[in-house]
Amino acid sequence: MSYFKHHVFFCCNQRQPGETCCNDHKAVDMQTYAKDRIAALGLKGRGKIRINKAGCLDRCDDGPVLVVYPDNVWYTYVDREDIDEIIESHLVHGRVVERLQLKDPQ
């Protein structure tokens, strides 16, 4: 068993002006919101959920992005409602949010 049930990484990369990056879409604010929400729900800690910032996840053109491990599910999002849906559906109930999921390029 891994230390955390789910480990969520938010791309919080900031590129040079004019280059696409997740942080242009308030990624740091959304990561902070998710971290606070997980704590408020009592889902933070060993055997539960960890929310982290990440540097570039190399999918900024699809961004903003986050990835949930160990499930290897990538998401994009627009606002707090999307984050809430990912938390409730995927992290709590184990159901992938299809409308926000990024598919792997083939």
C-alpha atoms as a PDB file:
ATOM      1  CA  MET A   1       0.000   0.000   0.000  1.00  0.00           C
ATOM      2  CA  SER A   2       1.303   3.457  -0.837  1.00  0.00           C
ATOM      3  CA  TYR A   3       1.636   6.151   1.807  1.00  0.00           C
ATOM      4  CA  PHE A   4      -1.243   8.143   0.274  1.00  0.00           C
ATOM      5  CA  LYS A   5      -4.376   6.724  -1.351  1.00  0.00           C
ATOM      6  CA  HIS A   6      -4.201   9.561  -3.893  1.00  0.00           C
ATOM      7  CA  HIS A   7      -1.395  12.001  -4.623  1.00  0.00           C
ATOM      8  CA  VAL A   8      -2.543  14.985  -6.696  1.00  0.00           C
ATOM      9  CA  PHE A   9      -0.061  17.207  -8.513  1.00  0.00           C
ATOM     10  CA  PHE A  10      -1.092  20.612  -9.875  1.00  0.00           C
ATOM     11  CA  CYS A  11       1.140  22.053 -12.582  1.00  0.00           C
ATOM     12  CA  CYS A  12       2.043  25.493 -11.211  1.00  0.00           C
ATOM     13  CA  ASN A  13       4.681  26.326 -13.782  1.00  0.00           C
ATOM     14  CA  GLN A  14       5.236  29.946 -14.781  1.00  0.00           C
ATOM     15  CA  ARG A  15       6.782  30.397 -18.221  1.00  0.00           C
ATOM     16  CA  GLN A  16       8.025  33.523 -19.915  1.00  0.00           C
ATOM     17  CA  PRO A  17       5.408  36.068 -21.043  1.00  0.00           C
ATOM     18  CA  GLY A  18       3.751  34.939 -24.263  1.00  0.00           C
ATOM     19  CA  GLU A  19       4.334  31.238 -23.595  1.00  0.00           C
ATOM     20  CA  THR A  20       1.384  29.070 -22.530  1.00  0.00           C
ATOM     21  CA  CYS A  21       1.557  27.971 -18.910  1.00  0.00           C
ATOM     22  CA  CYS A  22      -0.781  26.597 -16.279  1.00  0.00           C
ATOM     23  CA  ASN A  23      -0.094  29.355 -13.785  1.00  0.00           C
ATOM     24  CA  ASP A  24      -1.670  31.865 -16.195  1.00  0.00           C
ATOM     25  CA  HIS A  25      -4.930  30.097 -15.290  1.00  0.00           C
ATOM     26  CA  LYS A  26      -4.534  30.620 -11.513  1.00  0.00           C
ATOM     27  CA  ALA A  27      -3.076  27.152 -10.936  1.00  0.00           C
ATOM     28  CA  VAL A  28      -1.483  28.119  -7.605  1.00  0.00           C
ATOM     29  CA  ASP A  29      -4.819  29.475  -6.342  1.00  0.00           C
ATOM     30  CA  MET A  30      -6.615  26.294  -7.433  1.00  0.00           C
ATOM     31  CA  GLN A  31      -3.963  24.093  -5.786  1.00  0.00           C
ATOM     32  CA  THR A  32      -4.317  26.038  -2.541  1.00  0.00           C
ATOM     33  CA  TYR A  33      -8.101  25.753  -2.755  1.00  0.00           C
ATOM     34  CA  ALA A  34      -7.901  21.965  -3.309  1.00  0.00           C
ATOM     35  CA  LYS A  35      -5.460  21.544  -0.426  1.00  0.00           C
ATOM     36  CA  ASP A  36      -7.698  23.531   1.930  1.00  0.00           C
ATOM     37  CA  ARG A  37     -10.803  21.664   0.740  1.00  0.00           C
ATOM     38  CA  ILE A  38      -9.197  18.250   1.323  1.00  0.00           C
ATOM     39  CA  ALA A  39      -8.182  19.339   4.839  1.00  0.00           C
ATOM     40  CA  ALA A  40     -11.681  20.674   5.599  1.00  0.00           C
ATOM     41  CA  LEU A  41     -13.184  17.341   4.511  1.00  0.00           C
ATOM     42  CA  GLY A  42     -10.835  15.443   6.830  1.00  0.00           C
ATOM     43  CA  LEU A  43      -9.181  13.691   3.869  1.00  0.00           C
ATOM     44  CA  LYS A  44      -5.614  14.931   4.431  1.00  0.00           C
ATOM     45  CA  GLY A  45      -2.827  12.689   5.688  1.00  0.00           C
ATOM     46  CA  ARG A  46      -1.392   9.194   5.674  1.00  0.00           C
ATOM     47  CA  GLY A  47      -3.571   6.710   3.838  1.00  0.00           C
ATOM     48  CA  LYS A  48      -5.680   9.549   2.479  1.00  0.00           C
ATOM     49  CA  ILE A  49      -4.981  12.367   0.006  1.00  0.00           C
ATOM     50  CA  ARG A  50      -2.015  14.671  -0.600  1.00  0.00           C
ATOM     51  CA  ILE A  51      -2.287  17.809  -2.761  1.00  0.00           C
ATOM     52  CA  ASN A  52       1.013  19.149  -4.150  1.00  0.00           C
ATOM     53  CA  LYS A  53       2.368  21.832  -6.435  1.00  0.00           C
ATOM     54  CA  ALA A  54       4.501  20.619  -9.295  1.00  0.00           C
ATOM     55  CA  GLY A  55       6.812  22.362 -11.673  1.00  0.00           C
ATOM     56  CA  CYS A  56       6.171  21.873 -15.362  1.00  0.00           C
ATOM     57  CA  LEU A  57       4.255  18.687 -16.130  1.00  0.00           C
ATOM     58  CA  ASP A  58       4.854  19.337 -19.845  1.00  0.00           C
ATOM     59  CA  ARG A  59       1.169  19.566 -20.782  1.00  0.00           C
ATOM     60  CA  CYS A  60       0.723  23.326 -20.490  1.00  0.00           C
ATOM     61  CA  ASP A  61      -0.940  23.475 -23.907  1.00  0.00           C
ATOM     62  CA  ASP A  62      -3.752  21.368 -22.404  1.00  0.00           C
ATOM     63  CA  GLY A  63      -3.783  23.437 -19.230  1.00  0.00           C
ATOM     64  CA  PRO A  64      -4.311  24.125 -16.620  1.00  0.00           C
ATOM     65  CA  VAL A  65      -3.614  20.530 -15.651  1.00  0.00           C
ATOM     66  CA  LEU A  66      -3.403  18.264 -12.647  1.00  0.00           C
ATOM     67  CA  VAL A  67      -2.669  14.558 -12.385  1.00  0.00           C
ATOM     68  CA  VAL A  68      -3.959  12.037  -9.851  1.00  0.00           C
ATOM     69  CA  TYR A  69      -1.652   9.179  -8.847  1.00  0.00           C
ATOM     70  CA  PRO A  70      -1.535   6.242  -8.561  1.00  0.00           C
ATOM     71  CA  ASP A  71      -4.462   6.320 -11.017  1.00  0.00           C
ATOM     72  CA  ASN A  72      -2.491   8.245 -13.663  1.00  0.00           C
ATOM     73  CA  VAL A  73      -5.564  10.304 -14.541  1.00  0.00           C
ATOM     74  CA  TRP A  74      -4.941  13.754 -15.995  1.00  0.00           C
ATOM     75  CA  TYR A  75      -7.466  16.573 -15.717  1.00  0.00           C
ATOM     76  CA  THR A  76      -7.971  20.101 -16.854  1.00  0.00           C
ATOM     77  CA  TYR A  77     -10.207  22.513 -14.958  1.00  0.00           C
ATOM     78  CA  VAL A  78     -11.654  26.004 -15.157  1.00  0.00           C
ATOM     79  CA  ASP A  79     -12.829  26.938 -11.671  1.00  0.00           C
ATOM     80  CA  ARG A  80     -13.454  25.821  -8.085  1.00  0.00           C
ATOM     81  CA  GLU A  81     -16.576  23.937  -9.146  1.00  0.00           C
ATOM     82  CA  ASP A  82     -14.429  21.739 -11.394  1.00  0.00           C
ATOM     83  CA  ILE A  83     -11.990  21.127  -8.531  1.00  0.00           C
ATOM     84  CA  ASP A  84     -14.904  20.257  -6.227  1.00  0.00           C
ATOM     85  CA  GLU A  85     -16.205  17.790  -8.822  1.00  0.00           C
ATOM     86  CA  ILE A  86     -12.793  16.105  -9.137  1.00  0.00           C
ATOM     87  CA  ILE A  87     -12.527  15.843  -5.348  1.00  0.00           C
ATOM     88  CA  GLU A  88     -16.054  14.512  -4.829  1.00  0.00           C
ATOM     89  CA  SER A  89     -16.276  12.200  -7.820  1.00  0.00           C
ATOM     90  CA  HIS A  90     -12.727  10.897  -8.259  1.00  0.00           C
ATOM     91  CA  LEU A  91     -10.933  11.300  -4.944  1.00  0.00           C
ATOM     92  CA  VAL A  92     -13.865  10.435  -2.677  1.00  0.00           C
ATOM     93  CA  HIS A  93     -15.914   8.024  -4.805  1.00  0.00           C
ATOM     94  CA  GLY A  94     -13.346   6.674  -7.296  1.00  0.00           C
ATOM     95  CA  ARG A  95     -15.224   7.818 -10.412  1.00  0.00           C
ATOM     96  CA  VAL A  96     -13.234   9.578 -13.144  1.00  0.00           C
ATOM     97  CA  VAL A  97     -14.726  12.903 -14.242  1.00  0.00           C
ATOM     98  CA  GLU A  98     -14.880  12.174 -17.963  1.00  0.00           C
ATOM     99  CA  ARG A  99     -15.732  15.731 -19.052  1.00  0.00           C
ATOM    100  CA  LEU A 100     -12.538  17.091 -17.440  1.00  0.00           C
ATOM    101  CA  GLN A 101     -10.223  14.173 -18.193  1.00  0.00           C
ATOM    102  CA  LEU A 102      -7.342  14.726 -20.601  1.00  0.00           C
ATOM    103  CA  LYS A 103      -6.718  11.756 -22.827  1.00  0.00           C
ATOM    104  CA  ASP A 104      -3.196  10.669 -23.580  1.00  0.00           C
ATOM    105  CA  PRO A 105      -2.120  11.625 -27.093  1.00  0.00           C
ATOM    106  CA  GLN A 106      -1.658   8.509 -29.188  1.00  0.00           C
END
